[in-house]
Protein backbone atom coordinates (compact mmCIF):
# COMPACT_ATOMS: atom_id res chain seq x y z
CA UNK A 1 -54.68 117.13 70.89
CA UNK A 2 -51.69 117.82 68.66
CA UNK A 3 -50.25 114.41 69.49
CA UNK A 4 -53.48 112.76 68.31
CA UNK A 5 -53.42 114.72 65.05
CA UNK A 6 -49.76 113.82 64.41
CA UNK A 7 -50.48 110.17 65.21
CA UNK A 8 -53.40 110.09 62.79
CA UNK A 9 -51.25 111.64 60.07
CA UNK A 10 -48.54 109.02 60.68
CA UNK A 11 -51.08 106.17 60.54
CA UNK A 12 -52.53 107.49 57.29
CA UNK A 13 -49.08 107.86 55.75
CA UNK A 14 -48.36 104.21 56.48
CA UNK A 15 -51.38 103.14 54.45
CA UNK A 16 -49.54 103.60 51.14
CA UNK A 17 -46.99 100.93 52.02
CA UNK A 18 -49.77 98.90 53.60
CA UNK A 19 -51.73 99.03 50.33
CA UNK A 20 -48.73 97.67 48.43
CA UNK A 21 -48.27 94.69 50.76
CA UNK A 22 -49.95 92.04 48.54
CA UNK A 23 -47.82 92.76 45.47
CA UNK A 24 -44.69 93.36 47.59
CA UNK A 25 -45.03 89.97 49.27
CA UNK A 26 -45.67 88.27 45.93
CA UNK A 27 -42.56 89.82 44.38
CA UNK A 28 -40.51 89.00 47.48
CA UNK A 29 -41.59 85.35 47.52
CA UNK A 30 -40.87 85.01 43.80
CA UNK A 31 -37.39 86.34 44.59
CA UNK A 32 -37.24 89.25 42.14
CA UNK A 33 -36.83 93.01 42.28
CA UNK A 34 -36.19 95.36 45.18
CA UNK A 35 -39.69 95.24 46.69
CA UNK A 36 -39.67 93.55 50.10
CA UNK A 37 -41.48 93.73 53.45
CA UNK A 38 -39.59 95.71 56.07
CA UNK A 39 -40.16 93.40 59.01
CA UNK A 40 -38.08 90.49 57.69
CA UNK A 41 -34.32 90.34 58.00
CA UNK A 42 -31.83 90.59 55.17
CA UNK A 43 -30.70 87.02 55.90
CA UNK A 44 -34.17 85.68 55.10
CA UNK A 45 -34.32 87.70 51.88
CA UNK A 46 -30.92 86.35 50.82
CA UNK A 47 -32.02 82.80 51.66
CA UNK A 48 -35.09 83.14 49.43
CA UNK A 49 -32.95 84.57 46.63
CA UNK A 50 -30.50 81.67 46.90
CA UNK A 51 -33.37 79.22 46.42
CA UNK A 52 -34.45 81.06 43.28
CA UNK A 53 -30.87 81.20 42.01
CA UNK A 54 -30.75 77.41 42.34
CA UNK A 55 -33.99 77.09 40.36
CA UNK A 56 -32.61 79.40 37.67
CA UNK A 57 -29.41 77.35 37.53
CA UNK A 58 -31.42 74.13 37.13
CA UNK A 59 -33.29 75.73 34.26
CA UNK A 60 -30.04 76.81 32.59
CA UNK A 61 -28.50 73.35 33.09
CA UNK A 62 -31.48 71.60 31.52
CA UNK A 63 -31.59 74.10 28.66
CA UNK A 64 -27.87 73.80 27.90
CA UNK A 65 -28.03 69.99 28.03
CA UNK A 66 -30.95 69.82 25.62
CA UNK A 67 -29.38 72.46 23.38
CA UNK A 68 -26.22 70.35 23.01
CA UNK A 69 -27.54 66.80 23.00
CA UNK A 70 -31.21 66.85 21.98
CA UNK A 71 -32.13 68.52 18.70
CA UNK A 72 -35.72 67.25 18.80
CA UNK A 73 -36.73 70.04 21.14
CA UNK A 74 -36.64 72.60 18.35
CA UNK A 75 -39.57 70.99 16.53
CA UNK A 76 -38.66 73.22 13.56
CA UNK A 77 -35.74 72.07 11.41
CA UNK A 78 -34.29 75.50 10.67
CA UNK A 79 -30.98 77.14 11.51
CA UNK A 80 -32.77 80.49 11.71
CA UNK A 81 -35.12 79.17 14.37
CA UNK A 82 -32.29 77.54 16.31
CA UNK A 83 -30.47 80.87 16.36
CA UNK A 84 -33.57 82.76 17.52
CA UNK A 85 -34.46 80.14 20.12
CA UNK A 86 -30.94 80.13 21.59
CA UNK A 87 -30.77 83.93 21.68
CA UNK A 88 -34.18 84.09 23.35
CA UNK A 89 -33.35 81.57 26.05
CA UNK A 90 -30.01 83.22 26.85
CA UNK A 91 -31.75 86.58 27.16
CA UNK A 92 -34.38 85.11 29.48
CA UNK A 93 -31.75 83.42 31.64
CA UNK A 94 -29.66 86.59 31.98
CA UNK A 95 -32.77 88.57 32.90
CA UNK A 96 -33.86 85.95 35.45
CA UNK A 97 -30.46 85.96 37.15
CA UNK A 98 -30.39 89.75 37.31
CA UNK A 99 -33.93 90.06 38.65
CA UNK A 100 -33.02 87.72 41.51
CA UNK A 101 -29.71 89.45 42.34
CA UNK A 102 -31.19 92.93 41.93
CA UNK A 103 -32.91 92.84 45.30
CA UNK A 104 -29.65 91.95 47.08
CA UNK A 105 -27.50 94.59 45.37
CA UNK A 106 -30.03 97.33 46.09
CA UNK A 107 -31.44 95.95 49.31
CA UNK A 108 -31.91 99.36 50.97
CA UNK A 109 -33.54 101.07 47.99
CA UNK A 110 -37.10 99.91 48.66
CA UNK A 111 -37.33 101.26 52.25
CA UNK A 112 -35.73 104.49 51.04
CA UNK A 113 -38.27 104.81 48.25
CA UNK A 114 -41.18 104.12 50.61
CA UNK A 115 -39.87 106.67 53.12
CA UNK A 116 -39.63 109.34 50.43
CA UNK A 117 -43.18 108.62 49.27
CA UNK A 118 -44.36 108.81 52.88
CA UNK A 119 -42.66 112.17 53.38
CA UNK A 120 -44.12 113.55 50.14
CA UNK A 121 -47.61 112.31 51.03
CA UNK A 122 -47.48 114.09 54.37
CA UNK A 123 -46.75 117.36 52.59
CA UNK A 124 -49.50 116.81 50.03
CA UNK A 125 -52.06 116.07 52.76
CA UNK A 126 -51.38 119.43 54.34
CA UNK A 127 -52.64 121.04 51.12
CA UNK A 128 -55.29 118.66 49.78
CA UNK A 129 -57.04 115.39 50.62
CA UNK A 130 -55.36 112.33 49.11
CA UNK A 131 -56.58 108.75 49.27
CA UNK A 132 -53.69 106.35 49.73
CA UNK A 133 -55.88 103.42 48.72
CA UNK A 134 -57.43 104.44 45.39
CA UNK A 135 -59.73 101.82 43.92
CA UNK A 136 -57.79 101.65 40.64
CA UNK A 137 -54.60 100.77 42.51
CA UNK A 138 -56.35 97.97 44.41
CA UNK A 139 -57.76 96.55 41.17
CA UNK A 140 -54.40 96.75 39.38
CA UNK A 141 -52.68 94.96 42.26
CA UNK A 142 -55.27 92.17 42.27
CA UNK A 143 -54.99 91.68 38.50
CA UNK A 144 -51.19 91.66 38.65
CA UNK A 145 -51.13 88.96 41.32
CA UNK A 146 -53.80 86.94 39.50
CA UNK A 147 -51.92 87.01 36.18
CA UNK A 148 -48.69 86.04 37.94
CA UNK A 149 -50.26 82.98 39.55
CA UNK A 150 -52.03 82.06 36.30
CA UNK A 151 -48.58 81.83 34.69
CA UNK A 152 -47.04 79.90 37.57
CA UNK A 153 -48.22 77.45 38.74
CA UNK A 154 -51.60 77.17 36.91
CA UNK A 155 -50.30 77.40 33.31
CA UNK A 156 -47.32 75.22 34.21
CA UNK A 157 -49.65 72.47 35.50
CA UNK A 158 -51.98 72.79 32.50
CA UNK A 159 -49.03 72.57 30.07
CA UNK A 160 -47.63 69.51 31.84
CA UNK A 161 -50.95 67.65 31.88
CA UNK A 162 -51.85 68.48 28.28
CA UNK A 163 -48.55 67.43 26.75
CA UNK A 164 -48.20 64.43 29.05
CA UNK A 165 -51.43 62.91 27.72
CA UNK A 166 -51.39 64.26 24.14
CA UNK A 167 -47.74 64.75 23.10
CA UNK A 168 -45.57 63.11 25.77
CA UNK A 169 -42.58 62.97 23.41
CA UNK A 170 -42.30 66.79 23.38
CA UNK A 171 -42.80 67.45 27.09
CA UNK A 172 -39.57 69.23 28.06
CA UNK A 173 -38.52 70.35 31.53
CA UNK A 174 -37.20 73.64 30.16
CA UNK A 175 -40.64 74.57 28.83
CA UNK A 176 -42.15 73.92 32.26
CA UNK A 177 -39.49 75.95 34.06
CA UNK A 178 -40.01 78.77 31.58
CA UNK A 179 -43.41 79.49 33.15
CA UNK A 180 -41.59 80.16 36.40
CA UNK A 181 -39.24 82.65 34.69
CA UNK A 182 -42.21 84.27 32.95
CA UNK A 183 -44.02 84.75 36.27
CA UNK A 184 -40.91 86.34 37.80
CA UNK A 185 -40.59 88.78 34.90
CA UNK A 186 -44.26 89.71 35.07
CA UNK A 187 -44.41 90.40 38.81
CA UNK A 188 -41.24 92.49 38.64
CA UNK A 189 -42.67 94.68 35.89
CA UNK A 190 -46.03 94.90 37.67
CA UNK A 191 -44.33 96.35 40.76
CA UNK A 192 -42.78 99.01 38.53
CA UNK A 193 -46.19 99.74 36.97
CA UNK A 194 -47.77 100.21 40.39
CA UNK A 195 -45.02 102.61 41.51
CA UNK A 196 -45.38 104.70 38.34
CA UNK A 197 -49.14 104.80 38.82
CA UNK A 198 -48.59 106.13 42.34
CA UNK A 199 -46.45 108.93 40.91
CA UNK A 200 -49.10 109.65 38.29
CA UNK A 201 -51.71 109.90 41.06
CA UNK A 202 -49.57 112.44 42.92
CA UNK A 203 -49.14 114.56 39.79
CA UNK A 204 -52.93 114.57 39.56
CA UNK A 205 -53.14 115.97 43.08
CA UNK A 206 -50.55 118.65 42.28
CA UNK A 207 -52.51 119.72 39.21
CA UNK A 208 -55.70 119.83 41.22
CA UNK A 209 -53.97 122.09 43.73
CA UNK A 210 -52.99 124.46 40.91
CA UNK A 211 -56.55 124.55 39.61
CA UNK A 212 -57.73 125.58 43.10
CA UNK A 213 -55.60 128.74 42.96
CA UNK A 214 -58.50 130.50 41.21
CA UNK A 215 -60.39 130.38 44.50
CA UNK A 216 -57.77 132.61 46.18
CA UNK A 217 -57.59 136.41 45.82
CA UNK A 218 -54.65 137.61 47.87
CA UNK A 219 -51.43 137.81 45.82
CA UNK A 220 -49.10 136.91 48.67
CA UNK A 221 -51.24 133.91 49.62
CA UNK A 222 -51.26 132.71 46.02
CA UNK A 223 -47.49 133.15 45.73
CA UNK A 224 -46.97 131.15 48.93
CA UNK A 225 -49.28 128.43 47.62
CA UNK A 226 -47.36 128.21 44.34
CA UNK A 227 -44.10 127.90 46.26
CA UNK A 228 -45.52 124.94 48.20
CA UNK A 229 -46.71 123.37 44.96
CA UNK A 230 -43.23 123.76 43.55
CA UNK A 231 -41.86 121.85 46.54
CA UNK A 232 -44.36 119.06 45.97
CA UNK A 233 -43.51 118.90 42.26
CA UNK A 234 -39.79 118.84 43.01
CA UNK A 235 -40.28 116.02 45.52
CA UNK A 236 -42.22 113.96 42.96
CA UNK A 237 -39.49 114.51 40.35
CA UNK A 238 -36.89 113.32 42.87
CA UNK A 239 -38.91 110.12 43.24
CA UNK A 240 -38.88 109.67 39.45
CA UNK A 241 -35.09 110.05 39.40
CA UNK A 242 -34.84 107.37 42.07
CA UNK A 243 -37.19 105.04 40.18
CA UNK A 244 -35.10 105.48 37.02
CA UNK A 245 -31.97 104.69 38.99
CA UNK A 246 -33.45 101.53 40.51
CA UNK A 247 -35.33 100.17 37.48
CA UNK A 248 -33.17 101.40 34.59
CA UNK A 249 -31.35 98.13 33.87
CA UNK A 250 -34.38 95.89 34.60
CA UNK A 251 -36.35 97.91 32.04
CA UNK A 252 -33.56 97.45 29.49
CA UNK A 253 -33.54 93.70 30.12
CA UNK A 254 -37.34 93.63 29.91
CA UNK A 255 -37.15 95.29 26.50
CA UNK A 256 -34.56 92.78 25.28
CA UNK A 257 -36.32 89.67 26.59
CA UNK A 258 -39.70 90.85 25.28
CA UNK A 259 -38.23 91.50 21.84
CA UNK A 260 -36.49 88.14 21.53
CA UNK A 261 -39.48 86.24 22.93
CA UNK A 262 -42.02 87.85 20.60
CA UNK A 263 -39.84 87.46 17.49
CA UNK A 264 -38.98 83.84 18.32
CA UNK A 265 -42.52 82.73 19.09
CA UNK A 266 -44.00 84.53 16.09
CA UNK A 267 -41.42 82.92 13.81
CA UNK A 268 -42.08 79.52 15.36
CA UNK A 269 -45.83 79.91 14.81
CA UNK A 270 -45.25 80.87 11.16
CA UNK A 271 -42.92 77.93 10.58
CA UNK A 272 -45.31 75.52 12.31
CA UNK A 273 -48.18 76.64 10.06
CA UNK A 274 -46.02 76.24 6.97
CA UNK A 275 -45.06 72.71 8.05
CA UNK A 276 -48.56 71.74 9.28
CA UNK A 277 -47.22 71.30 12.81
CA UNK A 278 -49.78 72.78 15.20
CA UNK A 279 -48.63 71.20 18.45
CA UNK A 280 -46.95 74.31 19.87
CA UNK A 281 -49.14 77.09 18.47
CA UNK A 282 -51.44 77.50 21.47
CA UNK A 283 -48.53 77.67 23.94
CA UNK A 284 -46.54 80.17 21.92
CA UNK A 285 -49.54 82.41 21.32
CA UNK A 286 -49.94 82.56 25.10
CA UNK A 287 -46.28 83.49 25.58
CA UNK A 288 -45.98 86.28 23.01
CA UNK A 289 -49.31 87.83 24.03
CA UNK A 290 -48.19 88.00 27.67
CA UNK A 291 -44.82 89.57 26.80
CA UNK A 292 -46.52 92.10 24.51
CA UNK A 293 -49.00 92.98 27.24
CA UNK A 294 -46.19 93.34 29.76
CA UNK A 295 -44.15 95.79 27.69
CA UNK A 296 -47.14 97.74 26.36
CA UNK A 297 -48.43 98.26 29.91
CA UNK A 298 -45.04 99.63 30.99
CA UNK A 299 -44.98 102.07 28.06
CA UNK A 300 -48.59 103.13 28.61
CA UNK A 301 -48.32 103.88 32.34
CA UNK A 302 -45.06 105.82 31.82
CA UNK A 303 -46.74 107.87 29.10
CA UNK A 304 -49.69 108.52 31.39
CA UNK A 305 -47.44 109.88 34.15
CA UNK A 306 -45.43 112.03 31.73
CA UNK A 307 -48.55 113.55 30.16
CA UNK A 308 -49.98 114.37 33.58
CA UNK A 309 -46.74 116.13 34.51
CA UNK A 310 -46.84 118.13 31.26
CA UNK A 311 -50.31 119.36 32.17
CA UNK A 312 -48.78 121.16 35.16
CA UNK A 313 -47.16 123.85 33.01
CA UNK A 314 -50.33 124.29 30.94
CA UNK A 315 -52.52 124.70 34.02
CA UNK A 316 -50.20 127.16 35.77
CA UNK A 317 -49.97 129.42 32.69
CA UNK A 318 -53.71 129.26 32.19
CA UNK A 319 -54.12 130.46 35.76
CA UNK A 320 -51.70 133.34 35.17
CA UNK A 321 -53.52 134.46 32.03
CA UNK A 322 -56.83 134.52 33.89
CA UNK A 323 -55.46 136.56 36.82
CA UNK A 324 -53.89 139.63 35.23
CA UNK A 325 -55.45 141.90 37.83
CA UNK A 326 -53.19 140.70 40.66
CA UNK A 327 -51.22 143.38 42.49
CA UNK A 328 -47.44 143.13 42.63
CA UNK A 329 -45.03 140.72 41.00
CA UNK A 330 -45.17 138.02 43.67
CA UNK A 331 -47.27 135.61 41.64
CA UNK A 332 -45.55 136.30 38.33
CA UNK A 333 -42.11 135.70 39.83
CA UNK A 334 -43.23 132.42 41.38
CA UNK A 335 -44.77 131.30 38.09
CA UNK A 336 -41.57 132.17 36.21
CA UNK A 337 -39.50 130.23 38.73
CA UNK A 338 -41.95 127.33 38.45
CA UNK A 339 -41.59 127.43 34.66
CA UNK A 340 -37.80 127.19 34.98
CA UNK A 341 -38.21 124.29 37.37
CA UNK A 342 -40.50 122.46 34.93
CA UNK A 343 -37.93 122.86 32.16
CA UNK A 344 -35.11 121.52 34.34
CA UNK A 345 -37.15 118.64 35.76
CA UNK A 346 -38.52 117.05 32.61
CA UNK A 347 -40.43 113.94 33.65
CA UNK A 348 -39.22 110.90 31.67
CA UNK A 349 -38.72 107.24 32.45
CA UNK A 350 -35.65 105.74 30.81
CA UNK A 351 -33.91 102.40 30.45
CA UNK A 352 -30.39 103.35 31.58
CA UNK A 353 -30.72 106.49 29.40
CA UNK A 354 -30.66 104.37 26.23
CA UNK A 355 -34.24 105.30 25.35
CA UNK A 356 -37.34 106.82 26.91
CA UNK A 357 -40.16 104.54 27.98
CA UNK A 358 -43.38 105.77 26.32
CA UNK A 359 -45.96 104.86 23.70
CA UNK A 360 -43.68 106.07 20.93
CA UNK A 361 -41.14 103.46 22.02
CA UNK A 362 -43.81 100.76 21.86
CA UNK A 363 -44.75 101.81 18.31
CA UNK A 364 -41.11 101.53 17.28
CA UNK A 365 -40.89 98.24 19.17
CA UNK A 366 -43.71 96.78 17.06
CA UNK A 367 -42.11 98.10 13.88
CA UNK A 368 -38.75 96.50 14.70
CA UNK A 369 -40.44 93.16 15.43
CA UNK A 370 -42.25 93.20 12.08
CA UNK A 371 -39.02 94.15 10.26
CA UNK A 372 -36.97 91.37 11.81
CA UNK A 373 -39.72 88.82 11.27
CA UNK A 374 -39.81 89.66 7.57
CA UNK A 375 -36.01 89.33 7.37
CA UNK A 376 -35.91 85.98 9.19
CA UNK A 377 -38.77 84.60 7.12
CA UNK A 378 -36.76 85.33 3.96
CA UNK A 379 -34.04 82.98 5.20
CA UNK A 380 -36.47 80.25 6.22
CA UNK A 381 -36.97 77.30 3.90
CA UNK A 382 -39.90 75.13 5.01
CA UNK A 383 -39.69 71.38 4.67
CA UNK A 384 -41.68 69.98 1.80
CA UNK A 385 -45.00 68.73 3.13
CA UNK A 386 -46.73 66.18 0.87
CA UNK A 387 -50.14 67.19 -0.32
CA UNK A 388 -52.91 65.42 1.59
CA UNK A 389 -54.84 64.42 -1.57
CA UNK A 390 -51.72 62.91 -3.11
CA UNK A 391 -51.06 60.89 0.01
CA UNK A 392 -54.62 59.60 0.06
CA UNK A 393 -54.49 58.56 -3.60
CA UNK A 394 -51.18 56.79 -3.07
CA UNK A 395 -52.61 54.93 -0.10
CA UNK A 396 -55.36 53.40 -2.25
CA UNK A 397 -53.02 52.21 -5.04
CA UNK A 398 -52.47 48.46 -5.43
CA UNK A 399 -49.43 47.01 -3.72
CA UNK A 400 -47.66 46.25 -7.04
CA UNK A 401 -47.94 49.95 -8.00
CA UNK A 402 -46.36 51.04 -4.74
CA UNK A 403 -43.58 48.46 -5.20
CA UNK A 404 -42.91 49.72 -8.72
CA UNK A 405 -42.75 53.31 -7.53
CA UNK A 406 -40.32 52.33 -4.78
CA UNK A 407 -38.04 50.55 -7.29
CA UNK A 408 -38.20 53.56 -9.59
CA UNK A 409 -37.19 55.93 -6.77
CA UNK A 410 -34.30 53.63 -5.79
CA UNK A 411 -33.03 53.55 -9.36
CA UNK A 412 -33.07 57.36 -9.52
CA UNK A 413 -31.21 57.71 -6.25
CA UNK A 414 -28.56 55.21 -7.41
């Protein structure tokens, strides 16, 4: 009988990793991040990453060639835009290379992370029921995979067909390959979002356990329960430390690439409107909206997990205030130790300890973008666009008038 119970617990604990299989396989096939299926060898993972490194190198080669030899790709005759565009592409290329190599450098981190989550879940299930396949997680996974495939290959194909038939002269290979880099960046950040949501869900279970302490009456039983809750909280905080260690640099690169992409595309849209050039506006609106959504979602889910962890201290002290009639100091000592633990294990997600990932960061992120856009716009001088009414009136002038005007302009230039 005990063997059956242990087997059922093991099968249930595997369901967390089983639930993540769709997004893990997507990330693995796109060749980014540390997420990977266990059953495939390291050689196969390296082979897939080599293919993606080749694709990234092709993208860099095309981009460098056009940057040096073809100035028509900029579409905006401005040194400010050329600087922004170059900085943006370099940032995207560096990020793409790192995302691909990241899974090789930290090949063993994903199984280690999954094993720690499995061990924590087994402890939580001994105290409270926990669903390893919450509906929200399934929906988030489906949306993440859908958005990734909308970027590549669907948006890539739509871009190629539209510009091939409408503006074939500005159909560049680098723009098409950029959709591939965008999809890689998105799926890598979506995996991080899903992991943070899993940690948030476990903090919810810990807080629910604390709220159930009011149903107990024996002081020693309550003290023992609080000690177990402390172990669960400590295990969840260890997972957060591991997530920060694994995703610290990718988060920093995500911040940098999102910033340069949003500033560059917004500036390009402004310049295109000023010069009555609307050929790229739809594409660039799509790009900056996706990058904004990507970074805002990261900040929001990290804030959600941090706020849920902060509720732990509030709930435990509320319980203590409502149970002053307990005999002995068992409960009070455990609560005081728990309070010290909460102070030492402050739940934060950081980008290599440069800054904390939360909604406050996103607010500052938006402010910096607006500031830099205003600065760059000050240095931008739009090309003079002839007024449409003037052009129409000139078109209807007699030929001798146009010839006279041409001679007059030549005499002024000489």
